[in-house]
Amino acid sequence: MQKAKKTKPSQRSFLAPLRFGHDLLEEVMRIIQEQGIQHASISIIGAVTGATFGYYDQEAHEYLTIKREGPFEVLSCTGNVTFKQGSPFVHAHALFGDRSGGAFGGHLMSPSIIFAAEIYMQELSGRPPERIQDPATGLYLWPQGTTAQRS
């Protein structure tokens, strides 16, 4: 059995606006690259002018892409930054709200165009776990026994 990795927060936390008219995932990647972040926890709130998200079909082992046009609130978007195929990778799920109070969401995908948004990112120390393809699910997951701990 693989020994669990423990990860502690670094001294760096970021609270930043995300740019109007840009793609949500691309903006997160821009900050990650500018700051040299490899491992983090993220939270985003705000609004988008269009949302793209995915639903994972567990039988077919593939994402179904869902696009919605219109103004939506980003009620919640949480995720993490770890590694996939040797590079930083953002894994986030978003919940969007519409004018009537309805909510929908899933795996955050591009394009999701920013109207106004803010990100909170807590960088984590230690070596980030590397996602590997899991044959049972078809998903890129952290190896069993991997844990990230914030203390």
Protein backbone atom coordinates (compact mmCIF):
# COMPACT_ATOMS: atom_id res chain seq x y z
CA MET A 1 0.00 0.00 0.00
CA GLN A 2 1.31 3.44 -0.96
CA LYS A 3 2.01 5.76 1.97
CA ALA A 4 -0.23 8.84 2.15
CA LYS A 5 1.40 12.15 1.28
CA LYS A 6 0.69 15.00 3.67
CA THR A 7 0.53 18.49 2.29
CA LYS A 8 0.48 21.72 4.27
CA PRO A 9 -0.45 25.20 3.13
CA SER A 10 2.39 27.39 1.97
CA GLN A 11 2.62 31.00 3.02
CA ARG A 12 0.97 32.17 -0.22
CA SER A 13 -2.71 32.90 -0.63
CA PHE A 14 -4.15 34.84 -3.55
CA LEU A 15 -7.35 36.86 -3.81
CA ALA A 16 -7.66 38.32 -7.28
CA PRO A 17 -10.15 39.58 -9.84
CA LEU A 18 -10.50 37.63 -13.08
CA ARG A 19 -10.61 39.61 -16.33
CA PHE A 20 -13.89 40.55 -18.04
CA GLY A 21 -14.52 38.75 -21.35
CA HIS A 22 -11.92 36.04 -20.77
CA ASP A 23 -12.46 32.33 -20.27
CA LEU A 24 -12.70 31.24 -16.63
CA LEU A 25 -10.33 28.25 -16.89
CA GLU A 26 -7.82 30.20 -18.98
CA GLU A 27 -7.75 32.96 -16.35
CA VAL A 28 -7.10 30.45 -13.58
CA MET A 29 -4.27 28.93 -15.65
CA ARG A 30 -2.84 32.42 -16.29
CA ILE A 31 -2.55 33.08 -12.55
CA ILE A 32 -1.09 29.62 -11.94
CA GLN A 33 1.57 30.19 -14.59
CA GLU A 34 2.36 33.78 -13.54
CA GLN A 35 2.78 32.77 -9.91
CA GLY A 36 4.52 29.42 -10.53
CA ILE A 37 1.80 27.50 -8.67
CA GLN A 38 1.86 23.71 -8.89
CA HIS A 39 -0.49 22.68 -6.10
CA ALA A 40 -3.46 24.63 -4.74
CA SER A 41 -7.05 24.75 -3.57
CA ILE A 42 -9.30 27.20 -5.44
CA SER A 43 -12.65 28.90 -4.94
CA ILE A 44 -14.36 31.24 -7.44
CA ILE A 45 -17.49 33.39 -7.29
CA GLY A 46 -18.87 35.85 -9.79
CA ALA A 47 -20.86 35.90 -13.01
CA VAL A 48 -20.49 34.65 -16.58
CA THR A 49 -22.14 35.51 -19.90
CA GLY A 50 -22.13 31.87 -20.96
CA ALA A 51 -21.36 28.61 -19.20
CA THR A 52 -19.83 25.36 -20.39
CA PHE A 53 -19.70 22.37 -18.09
CA GLY A 54 -19.52 18.62 -18.29
CA TYR A 55 -21.38 15.62 -17.03
CA TYR A 56 -19.39 12.38 -16.85
CA ASP A 57 -21.26 9.45 -18.36
CA GLN A 58 -20.16 6.63 -16.08
CA GLU A 59 -21.17 3.88 -18.51
CA ALA A 60 -19.58 5.37 -21.64
CA HIS A 61 -16.57 6.76 -19.69
CA GLU A 62 -16.77 10.13 -21.42
CA TYR A 63 -17.77 13.70 -20.63
CA LEU A 64 -20.91 15.10 -22.16
CA THR A 65 -20.39 18.81 -22.83
CA ILE A 66 -23.27 21.12 -21.94
CA LYS A 67 -23.30 24.77 -23.11
CA ARG A 68 -25.70 27.42 -21.89
CA GLU A 69 -25.85 30.97 -23.23
CA GLY A 70 -26.99 33.91 -21.15
CA PRO A 71 -26.10 35.73 -17.97
CA PHE A 72 -25.51 33.43 -15.00
CA GLU A 73 -24.20 33.81 -11.47
CA VAL A 74 -21.28 31.61 -10.45
CA LEU A 75 -22.86 30.45 -7.19
CA SER A 76 -19.89 28.28 -6.33
CA CYS A 77 -16.84 26.96 -8.09
CA THR A 78 -14.39 24.86 -6.15
CA GLY A 79 -11.47 22.76 -7.18
CA ASN A 80 -7.80 22.08 -7.04
CA VAL A 81 -4.56 22.33 -8.94
CA THR A 82 -2.41 19.22 -9.18
CA PHE A 83 -0.51 17.56 -12.02
CA LYS A 84 -1.78 15.65 -15.05
CA GLN A 85 0.62 14.32 -17.66
CA GLY A 86 3.48 16.36 -16.18
CA SER A 87 1.81 19.79 -16.14
CA PRO A 88 -0.36 21.77 -13.70
CA PHE A 89 -4.00 20.83 -14.17
CA VAL A 90 -7.13 22.58 -12.85
CA HIS A 91 -9.96 20.30 -11.74
CA ALA A 92 -13.02 22.34 -10.80
CA HIS A 93 -16.76 21.95 -10.52
CA ALA A 94 -19.08 24.93 -10.92
CA LEU A 95 -22.64 25.65 -9.88
CA PHE A 96 -24.36 28.33 -11.95
CA GLY A 97 -27.62 30.16 -11.19
CA ASP A 98 -30.07 31.70 -13.64
CA ARG A 99 -32.49 34.64 -13.42
CA SER A 100 -35.37 32.44 -12.22
CA GLY A 101 -33.37 30.96 -9.33
CA GLY A 102 -32.64 27.69 -11.09
CA ALA A 103 -29.23 26.11 -10.63
CA PHE A 104 -27.18 23.76 -12.79
CA GLY A 105 -23.59 22.77 -13.15
CA GLY A 106 -20.90 20.15 -13.34
CA HIS A 107 -17.27 19.82 -14.33
CA LEU A 108 -16.05 23.31 -15.37
CA MET A 109 -15.13 23.49 -19.05
CA SER A 110 -14.23 26.09 -21.64
CA PRO A 111 -15.62 28.39 -22.79
CA SER A 112 -17.20 29.93 -19.70
CA ILE A 113 -16.87 33.66 -20.34
CA ILE A 114 -16.34 35.99 -17.39
CA PHE A 115 -18.61 38.96 -16.73
CA ALA A 116 -17.12 39.55 -13.28
CA ALA A 117 -15.32 37.04 -11.07
CA GLU A 118 -12.99 36.72 -8.10
CA ILE A 119 -10.73 33.84 -7.18
CA TYR A 120 -9.31 32.74 -3.85
CA MET A 121 -6.37 30.39 -4.21
CA GLN A 122 -4.45 28.76 -1.37
CA GLU A 123 -1.15 27.36 -2.54
CA LEU A 124 -0.20 24.07 -0.96
CA SER A 125 3.35 23.00 -0.21
CA GLY A 126 4.90 19.67 -1.03
CA ARG A 127 4.94 17.72 -4.24
CA PRO A 128 1.55 17.80 -5.99
CA PRO A 129 -0.05 14.43 -6.67
CA GLU A 130 0.07 13.34 -10.32
CA ARG A 131 -3.26 12.26 -11.82
CA ILE A 132 -3.15 8.90 -13.56
CA GLN A 133 -5.82 7.26 -15.66
CA ASP A 134 -7.91 4.87 -13.60
CA PRO A 135 -8.92 1.83 -15.67
CA ALA A 136 -12.10 1.21 -13.65
CA THR A 137 -13.55 4.70 -14.23
CA GLY A 138 -11.64 6.05 -17.23
CA LEU A 139 -10.94 9.22 -15.21
CA TYR A 140 -7.58 10.76 -14.36
CA LEU A 141 -7.48 10.39 -10.56
CA TRP A 142 -4.93 10.65 -7.80
CA PRO A 143 -3.36 7.31 -6.91
CA GLN A 144 -4.95 5.49 -3.97
CA GLY A 145 -3.30 6.44 -0.68
CA THR A 146 -2.70 10.06 -1.74
CA THR A 147 -3.97 12.69 0.67
CA ALA A 148 -3.51 16.43 0.84
CA GLN A 149 -3.81 17.92 4.30
CA ARG A 150 -4.19 21.52 5.31
CA SER A 151 -3.20 22.23 8.88
